[in-house]
Amino acid sequence: MGRGTLRVLQVCDQMMSSLVPSLLTRQVDHIEEGSWLDGWNEEVAGQRCQLPWTPEVPKVLPGSRILEVEGLVGAQAATVQRQAQHKLRMTVALQQPEEEEPLPPVVPPLASFPSPLPATPSTVPPPTESLPLGGPGFRWLALWDRIKGKKGQGTDTEEVCQLKSGDIVVQANDWKRTSNGLIRMPIRRTKHCPRDCVEVWVTLDARDAGGKVFFKPFEHFGSTGCLWRCKFHGVKIRSTPEMTSDICGETHLNDTVIQAKECQWVGEVLRLPIQGRGHVGWVTLDARCKGGPLFFDFMGPLEGGLWQATTAVRSLDSPVVVNPKEIVVQKGPWQRLADGKLLLPIESAQGLAWVTLLSDASDQTSAAWFELVGMDRTCLDQTGYAAA
């Protein structure tokens, strides 16, 4: 093994086409003639090097490993690069062989590229790095006991709770990669946490720091009856999963839609089937693998949720009053009334009740009265889902 060194390269958007395959594999297996790595080696290495005090600028050789782009890795880095309109900093671990060692053989070009993505709809996601991108509202299943929840992104911040194996938590925002290789994720406050916690940080994946994976996706793309809320104006509804099918409507910012059945991948785009008036329409749920955005946030499941009140909520059929930040258990499927109101059957410390989840699902200004913070393990054990 030769000597190793770290280099920070400046990567601009013109280099994108040859960069993305290497980002997804995180390994420089082949240097294609005319690619950005070939340009680094032959033309402007000295201009892009961020370590001017080093005596020489070694070439990037097959075997070099891409560590990060702007602190991101794998599919996240590829997505950021596709969207970037400016130069990004990229850290590469360069292989520097000893003088007497021959250069490693060049791998044929096709070996370094992922296999073509299917053109037809599929429920199997396209090849990405091992961790899904997730997003606000996405649910994760704890794989170990005594997972520490911290008050901040850093592991040295105050501990506010501990999670158990089998706990389901809800992601609050995008996860972040720390300088030492940890993937840290913010989650919404669980019932184990003090009420003054807005969000809690946990370690999602510590493999790059010599550790293990702490969570796995729980029903990552939802199922029949799940609620999603639109993040953009004018999202097209089409008649089939295909992107070229007939347009039959639009969803707008803060519209609440109901999932009709399982999602499908069409190439690198995840398509969500939603209930319409007598038919099923299809919208794009997630285009991040193709460089686009996440179009919908997960709002809640059909049943089995743990919900935190965002305000004081009075029951519709009993004296029960749910206080702000109180966490209640969903005790059956939600119901939608003819006027668009969404009702939720819950159990609180005061007893069973029906409460309002959303005043009007068709009103874009209507705020949810509860926020999903987890899943009820008792309900999941009864249905057999948790064991699966």
Protein backbone atom coordinates (compact mmCIF):
# COMPACT_ATOMS: atom_id res chain seq x y z
CA MET A 1 0.00 0.00 0.00
CA GLY A 2 1.34 3.38 -0.95
CA ARG A 3 1.36 6.56 1.06
CA GLY A 4 -1.96 8.34 1.49
CA THR A 5 -2.78 12.04 1.49
CA LEU A 6 -5.90 14.20 1.57
CA ARG A 7 -6.66 16.82 -1.06
CA VAL A 8 -9.54 19.29 -1.26
CA LEU A 9 -10.49 19.93 -4.88
CA GLN A 10 -12.77 22.65 -6.23
CA VAL A 11 -15.50 21.04 -8.33
CA CYS A 12 -17.64 23.17 -10.64
CA ASP A 13 -20.96 22.30 -12.25
CA GLN A 14 -19.42 21.74 -15.70
CA MET A 15 -17.76 18.62 -14.25
CA MET A 16 -21.05 17.12 -13.10
CA SER A 17 -21.60 14.43 -15.76
CA SER A 18 -18.46 12.47 -14.92
CA LEU A 19 -18.61 13.26 -11.18
CA VAL A 20 -21.96 11.68 -10.28
CA PRO A 21 -21.06 7.98 -10.91
CA SER A 22 -17.96 8.33 -8.73
CA LEU A 23 -19.96 10.01 -5.98
CA LEU A 24 -22.44 7.16 -5.86
CA THR A 25 -19.69 4.53 -5.59
CA ARG A 26 -17.34 6.77 -3.51
CA GLN A 27 -14.40 5.15 -5.29
CA VAL A 28 -12.28 6.38 -8.22
CA ASP A 29 -12.12 3.14 -10.23
CA HIS A 30 -11.40 4.64 -13.64
CA ILE A 31 -10.19 7.99 -14.96
CA GLU A 32 -11.90 8.68 -18.24
CA GLU A 33 -10.07 10.78 -20.83
CA GLY A 34 -11.45 14.30 -20.82
CA SER A 35 -13.12 13.89 -17.41
CA TRP A 36 -12.68 16.35 -14.55
CA LEU A 37 -10.17 14.02 -12.85
CA ASP A 38 -8.18 13.79 -16.07
CA GLY A 39 -8.21 17.59 -16.19
CA TRP A 40 -6.96 17.74 -12.61
CA ASN A 41 -4.07 15.44 -13.44
CA GLU A 42 -2.99 17.00 -16.72
CA GLU A 43 -3.94 20.68 -16.80
CA VAL A 44 -4.96 22.70 -13.76
CA ALA A 45 -4.05 20.63 -10.69
CA GLY A 46 -2.03 23.43 -9.14
CA GLN A 47 -4.79 26.00 -9.61
CA ARG A 48 -7.46 23.89 -7.89
CA CYS A 49 -5.33 22.57 -5.04
CA GLN A 50 -6.39 23.99 -1.66
CA LEU A 51 -3.13 23.01 0.09
CA PRO A 52 -0.50 25.29 -1.46
CA TRP A 53 2.09 24.64 1.25
CA THR A 54 2.61 21.01 0.17
CA PRO A 55 5.78 20.51 -1.95
CA GLU A 56 4.04 18.71 -4.84
CA VAL A 57 0.60 17.97 -6.19
CA PRO A 58 0.12 14.21 -6.61
CA LYS A 59 -2.15 12.88 -9.33
CA VAL A 60 -5.50 11.29 -8.67
CA LEU A 61 -5.04 7.58 -9.46
CA PRO A 62 -7.45 4.64 -9.59
CA GLY A 63 -8.01 3.57 -6.00
CA SER A 64 -8.43 7.09 -4.65
CA ARG A 65 -11.49 7.40 -2.44
CA ILE A 66 -14.01 10.24 -2.45
CA LEU A 67 -14.69 11.12 1.18
CA GLU A 68 -17.21 13.95 0.95
CA VAL A 69 -18.55 16.90 -0.99
CA GLU A 70 -19.41 19.85 1.25
CA GLY A 71 -19.77 17.42 4.17
CA LEU A 72 -22.17 15.10 2.30
CA VAL A 73 -21.62 11.61 0.94
CA GLY A 74 -23.02 9.30 -1.74
CA ALA A 75 -26.45 10.09 -3.19
CA GLN A 76 -26.83 13.26 -1.10
CA ALA A 77 -23.60 14.63 -2.54
CA ALA A 78 -24.66 13.72 -6.06
CA THR A 79 -27.97 15.50 -5.55
CA VAL A 80 -26.31 18.64 -4.21
CA GLN A 81 -23.85 18.68 -7.11
CA ARG A 82 -26.67 18.43 -9.67
CA GLN A 83 -28.38 21.44 -8.10
CA ALA A 84 -25.21 23.49 -7.56
CA GLN A 85 -24.63 26.65 -9.50
CA HIS A 86 -21.28 27.30 -7.86
CA LYS A 87 -18.08 25.46 -7.08
CA LEU A 88 -18.15 22.86 -4.33
CA ARG A 89 -15.29 21.65 -2.16
CA MET A 90 -14.60 17.94 -2.45
CA THR A 91 -12.26 15.93 -0.21
CA VAL A 92 -10.44 13.03 -1.88
CA ALA A 93 -8.08 10.51 -0.29
CA LEU A 94 -5.35 10.10 -2.93
CA GLN A 95 -3.40 6.89 -3.34
CA GLN A 96 0.34 7.68 -3.69
CA PRO A 97 2.25 4.48 -4.58
CA GLU A 98 5.90 4.03 -3.71
CA GLU A 99 8.34 4.74 -6.57
CA GLU A 100 9.26 1.07 -7.02
CA GLU A 101 5.62 -0.05 -7.15
CA PRO A 102 3.88 -0.22 -10.54
CA LEU A 103 0.69 1.75 -11.06
CA PRO A 104 -2.48 -0.24 -10.38
CA PRO A 105 -4.24 -1.54 -13.50
CA VAL A 106 -6.96 0.63 -15.01
CA VAL A 107 -10.43 -0.85 -14.67
CA PRO A 108 -12.44 -0.91 -17.93
CA PRO A 109 -14.80 2.07 -18.14
CA LEU A 110 -18.07 0.15 -17.86
CA ALA A 111 -17.05 -1.44 -14.55
CA SER A 112 -17.21 1.86 -12.67
CA PHE A 113 -20.72 2.87 -13.72
CA PRO A 114 -23.92 1.64 -12.05
CA SER A 115 -26.23 -0.57 -14.07
CA PRO A 116 -28.93 1.25 -16.09
CA LEU A 117 -32.08 2.10 -14.17
CA PRO A 118 -35.33 0.41 -15.27
CA ALA A 119 -37.54 2.49 -17.53
CA THR A 120 -40.73 0.81 -16.32
CA PRO A 121 -42.40 1.41 -12.94
CA SER A 122 -40.98 -0.57 -10.03
CA THR A 123 -41.46 -0.74 -6.28
CA VAL A 124 -37.70 -1.33 -5.88
CA PRO A 125 -35.72 1.92 -5.44
CA PRO A 126 -32.86 2.71 -7.83
CA PRO A 127 -29.32 1.99 -6.62
CA THR A 128 -28.14 4.63 -4.15
CA GLU A 129 -25.92 4.57 -1.10
CA SER A 130 -26.99 2.32 1.76
CA LEU A 131 -28.94 4.99 3.69
CA PRO A 132 -32.09 6.57 2.20
CA LEU A 133 -32.21 10.35 2.14
CA GLY A 134 -35.27 10.46 4.39
CA GLY A 135 -36.84 13.83 5.12
CA PRO A 136 -39.28 15.60 7.45
CA GLY A 137 -41.96 13.16 8.64
CA PHE A 138 -40.09 10.00 7.61
CA ARG A 139 -40.15 7.25 10.22
CA TRP A 140 -37.18 5.22 11.47
CA LEU A 141 -37.07 2.06 13.60
CA ALA A 142 -34.51 1.90 16.44
CA LEU A 143 -32.32 -1.21 16.19
CA TRP A 144 -30.64 -1.06 19.62
CA ASP A 145 -31.37 -0.28 23.26
CA ARG A 146 -30.01 2.81 25.03
CA ILE A 147 -29.67 4.98 21.94
CA LYS A 148 -28.89 8.43 23.33
CA GLY A 149 -30.94 11.44 22.27
CA LYS A 150 -29.00 14.70 22.58
CA LYS A 151 -30.12 18.32 22.74
CA GLY A 152 -27.91 19.39 19.83
CA GLN A 153 -26.21 18.05 16.73
CA GLY A 154 -22.93 17.46 18.58
CA THR A 155 -22.45 14.24 20.55
CA ASP A 156 -21.10 16.30 23.46
CA THR A 157 -24.40 18.14 24.01
CA GLU A 158 -26.81 17.38 26.87
CA GLU A 159 -28.53 13.97 26.85
CA VAL A 160 -32.32 14.37 27.03
CA CYS A 161 -33.60 10.81 26.50
CA GLN A 162 -32.73 7.21 25.63
CA LEU A 163 -34.51 5.13 23.01
CA LYS A 164 -35.16 1.38 23.06
CA SER A 165 -34.92 -1.22 20.33
CA GLY A 166 -38.23 -1.18 18.44
CA ASP A 167 -39.02 2.50 19.08
CA ILE A 168 -40.19 4.34 15.96
CA VAL A 169 -39.11 7.95 15.68
CA VAL A 170 -40.01 10.67 13.21
CA GLN A 171 -37.34 12.64 11.37
CA ALA A 172 -37.60 16.41 11.94
CA ASN A 173 -35.23 17.65 9.22
CA ASP A 174 -32.39 16.51 6.94
CA TRP A 175 -29.65 14.44 8.54
CA LYS A 176 -26.09 15.81 8.69
CA ARG A 177 -22.66 14.23 8.38
CA THR A 178 -20.11 15.29 11.01
CA SER A 179 -16.40 15.72 10.40
CA ASN A 180 -15.62 12.42 12.13
CA GLY A 181 -17.96 10.40 9.88
CA LEU A 182 -21.12 10.19 12.02
CA ILE A 183 -24.54 10.63 10.39
CA ARG A 184 -26.59 12.68 12.87
CA MET A 185 -30.36 13.03 12.52
CA PRO A 186 -32.83 15.39 14.20
CA ILE A 187 -36.05 13.72 15.36
CA ARG A 188 -39.26 15.12 16.79
CA ARG A 189 -39.65 15.01 20.57
CA THR A 190 -40.70 11.58 21.86
CA LYS A 191 -42.67 10.74 25.01
CA HIS A 192 -39.35 10.00 26.73
CA CYS A 193 -38.14 13.61 26.34
CA PRO A 194 -38.83 16.74 28.42
CA ARG A 195 -41.54 19.01 27.06
CA ASP A 196 -39.14 21.89 26.47
CA CYS A 197 -37.34 19.86 23.76
CA VAL A 198 -38.20 21.05 20.27
CA GLU A 199 -36.17 18.36 18.53
CA VAL A 200 -33.66 15.71 19.57
CA TRP A 201 -30.51 14.56 17.77
CA VAL A 202 -29.54 10.89 17.45
CA THR A 203 -26.82 9.01 15.59
CA LEU A 204 -28.33 7.35 12.54
CA ASP A 205 -25.19 5.68 11.15
CA ALA A 206 -21.70 5.44 12.67
CA ARG A 207 -20.08 2.99 10.22
CA ASP A 208 -17.67 5.56 8.78
CA ALA A 209 -16.47 6.19 12.35
CA GLY A 210 -16.01 2.48 13.11
CA GLY A 211 -19.48 2.04 14.65
CA LYS A 212 -22.80 0.58 13.51
CA VAL A 213 -26.19 1.51 12.05
CA PHE A 214 -28.66 2.56 14.76
CA PHE A 215 -31.90 2.91 12.76
CA LYS A 216 -33.52 1.47 9.65
CA PRO A 217 -36.42 2.92 7.64
CA PHE A 218 -39.90 2.06 8.90
CA GLU A 219 -42.34 1.79 5.97
CA HIS A 220 -40.25 4.44 4.27
CA PHE A 221 -42.69 5.33 1.49
CA GLY A 222 -45.98 4.90 3.32
CA SER A 223 -48.96 2.69 2.51
CA THR A 224 -52.67 2.91 1.75
CA GLY A 225 -54.37 5.59 3.82
CA CYS A 226 -51.24 7.56 4.75
CA LEU A 227 -51.49 11.36 4.70
CA TRP A 228 -49.00 13.57 2.83
CA ARG A 229 -48.79 17.36 2.64
CA CYS A 230 -47.66 19.16 -0.51
CA LYS A 231 -44.63 21.46 -0.29
CA PHE A 232 -45.03 23.28 -3.64
CA HIS A 233 -47.58 25.00 -5.85
CA GLY A 234 -48.76 23.36 -9.05
CA VAL A 235 -47.58 19.74 -8.64
CA LYS A 236 -49.06 17.88 -11.62
CA ILE A 237 -51.41 14.94 -11.08
CA ARG A 238 -51.18 12.39 -13.93
CA SER A 239 -53.35 9.44 -14.89
CA THR A 240 -50.60 6.77 -14.56
CA PRO A 241 -47.15 6.50 -12.94
CA GLU A 242 -45.51 7.42 -16.25
CA MET A 243 -44.24 11.01 -16.43
CA THR A 244 -45.70 11.43 -19.93
CA SER A 245 -49.25 10.32 -19.08
CA ASP A 246 -52.25 12.67 -19.25
CA ILE A 247 -52.50 15.50 -16.70
CA CYS A 248 -55.72 15.27 -14.69
CA GLY A 249 -55.20 17.94 -12.04
CA GLU A 250 -52.78 19.74 -9.71
CA THR A 251 -51.95 19.87 -6.01
CA HIS A 252 -50.81 23.06 -4.32
CA LEU A 253 -48.82 24.21 -1.31
CA ASN A 254 -50.15 22.68 1.96
CA ASP A 255 -52.74 20.51 0.21
CA THR A 256 -53.28 17.26 2.13
CA VAL A 257 -53.51 14.13 -0.05
CA ILE A 258 -54.34 10.53 0.81
CA GLN A 259 -52.13 7.71 -0.43
CA ALA A 260 -54.13 5.18 -2.48
CA LYS A 261 -51.67 2.25 -2.63
CA GLU A 262 -47.94 1.47 -2.76
CA CYS A 263 -45.56 3.97 -4.38
CA GLN A 264 -43.68 3.10 -7.56
CA TRP A 265 -40.27 4.07 -8.92
CA VAL A 266 -40.14 5.31 -12.51
CA GLY A 267 -36.44 5.47 -13.23
CA GLU A 268 -35.00 7.74 -10.54
CA VAL A 269 -38.33 9.35 -9.60
CA LEU A 270 -40.63 8.02 -6.85
CA ARG A 271 -44.31 8.33 -7.80
CA LEU A 272 -47.11 8.55 -5.21
CA PRO A 273 -50.66 7.32 -6.00
CA ILE A 274 -53.32 9.54 -4.40
CA GLN A 275 -57.06 9.21 -4.02
CA GLY A 276 -59.12 11.34 -6.36
CA ARG A 277 -62.81 11.59 -7.15
CA GLY A 278 -63.50 8.06 -8.32
CA HIS A 279 -59.98 7.48 -9.64
CA VAL A 280 -56.32 7.24 -8.62
CA GLY A 281 -53.95 10.01 -9.71
CA TRP A 282 -50.16 9.98 -9.61
CA VAL A 283 -47.83 12.72 -8.36
CA THR A 284 -44.06 12.88 -7.91
CA LEU A 285 -43.23 12.28 -4.26
CA ASP A 286 -39.44 12.31 -4.39
CA ALA A 287 -37.12 13.40 -7.22
CA ARG A 288 -33.93 13.82 -5.17
CA CYS A 289 -32.14 10.90 -6.85
CA LYS A 290 -32.50 12.90 -10.09
CA GLY A 291 -31.46 16.20 -8.55
CA GLY A 292 -34.98 17.47 -7.82
CA PRO A 293 -36.76 18.10 -4.50
CA LEU A 294 -38.94 16.13 -2.09
CA PHE A 295 -42.43 17.30 -3.14
CA PHE A 296 -44.48 16.02 -0.16
CA ASP A 297 -43.86 15.72 3.59
CA PHE A 298 -45.23 12.69 5.41
CA MET A 299 -48.05 13.81 7.69
CA GLY A 300 -49.37 10.63 9.30
CA PRO A 301 -50.31 6.94 8.99
CA LEU A 302 -53.80 5.48 8.70
CA GLU A 303 -53.51 4.18 12.27
CA GLY A 304 -51.02 3.45 15.05
CA GLY A 305 -49.49 6.92 15.35
CA LEU A 306 -48.19 8.80 18.37
CA TRP A 307 -49.24 12.44 18.06
CA GLN A 308 -48.16 15.59 19.90
CA ALA A 309 -50.67 18.41 20.28
CA THR A 310 -49.51 21.69 18.76
CA THR A 311 -52.16 23.62 20.72
CA ALA A 312 -54.85 22.95 23.32
CA VAL A 313 -57.45 20.63 21.73
CA ARG A 314 -60.93 19.87 23.08
CA SER A 315 -62.57 16.53 22.38
CA LEU A 316 -65.58 16.44 20.06
CA ASP A 317 -67.46 13.81 22.08
CA SER A 318 -66.19 13.91 25.69
CA PRO A 319 -64.77 16.23 28.39
CA VAL A 320 -61.19 15.31 27.39
CA VAL A 321 -58.85 18.24 26.78
CA VAL A 322 -55.41 17.61 25.25
CA ASN A 323 -52.81 20.11 26.43
CA PRO A 324 -50.10 21.63 24.19
CA LYS A 325 -47.11 19.26 23.73
CA GLU A 326 -49.07 16.35 25.25
CA ILE A 327 -48.47 13.10 23.36
CA VAL A 328 -51.49 10.88 22.68
CA VAL A 329 -51.96 7.45 21.14
CA GLN A 330 -54.02 6.95 17.97
CA LYS A 331 -56.65 4.24 18.64
CA GLY A 332 -57.94 3.52 15.16
CA PRO A 333 -58.06 4.87 11.60
CA TRP A 334 -58.55 8.60 11.10
CA GLN A 335 -61.80 9.72 9.42
CA ARG A 336 -62.49 12.45 6.88
CA LEU A 337 -65.86 14.21 6.95
CA ALA A 338 -67.74 15.62 3.99
CA ASP A 339 -66.65 19.17 4.91
CA GLY A 340 -62.97 18.16 4.67
CA LYS A 341 -62.34 17.91 8.41
CA LEU A 342 -59.95 15.11 9.49
CA LEU A 343 -60.80 13.46 12.83
CA LEU A 344 -58.48 11.35 14.95
CA PRO A 345 -59.49 8.74 17.58
CA ILE A 346 -57.05 9.03 20.49
CA GLU A 347 -56.32 7.87 24.00
CA SER A 348 -54.91 10.43 26.41
CA ALA A 349 -54.28 10.42 30.14
CA GLN A 350 -57.93 11.50 30.55
CA GLY A 351 -59.41 8.74 28.42
CA LEU A 352 -60.65 7.97 24.90
CA ALA A 353 -61.82 10.75 22.60
CA TRP A 354 -62.26 11.98 19.04
CA VAL A 355 -60.28 15.12 18.26
CA THR A 356 -59.69 17.32 15.21
CA LEU A 357 -56.46 16.59 13.36
CA LEU A 358 -57.07 19.11 10.56
CA SER A 359 -59.94 21.60 10.32
CA ASP A 360 -60.18 21.33 6.54
CA ALA A 361 -57.88 19.10 4.47
CA SER A 362 -58.80 21.06 1.35
CA ASP A 363 -57.92 24.44 2.91
CA GLN A 364 -54.30 25.36 2.21
CA THR A 365 -54.20 27.68 5.26
CA SER A 366 -55.51 25.04 7.68
CA ALA A 367 -52.85 24.09 10.26
CA ALA A 368 -52.67 20.62 11.77
CA TRP A 369 -53.62 20.44 15.45
CA PHE A 370 -51.32 17.46 16.03
CA GLU A 371 -47.86 16.47 14.78
CA LEU A 372 -46.72 12.87 14.32
CA VAL A 373 -43.83 12.04 16.69
CA GLY A 374 -43.71 8.23 16.57
CA MET A 375 -45.64 4.97 16.29
CA ASP A 376 -47.48 3.00 18.99
CA ARG A 377 -45.56 -0.24 19.61
CA THR A 378 -48.64 -1.95 21.15
CA CYS A 379 -50.67 -1.39 18.00
CA LEU A 380 -47.82 -2.59 15.81
CA ASP A 381 -47.28 -5.73 17.91
CA GLN A 382 -50.99 -6.58 17.58
CA THR A 383 -50.88 -6.27 13.79
CA GLY A 384 -47.61 -8.16 13.52
CA TYR A 385 -45.92 -5.28 11.70
CA ALA A 386 -43.17 -4.65 14.24
CA ALA A 387 -42.10 -8.28 14.22
CA ALA A 388 -41.82 -8.19 10.45
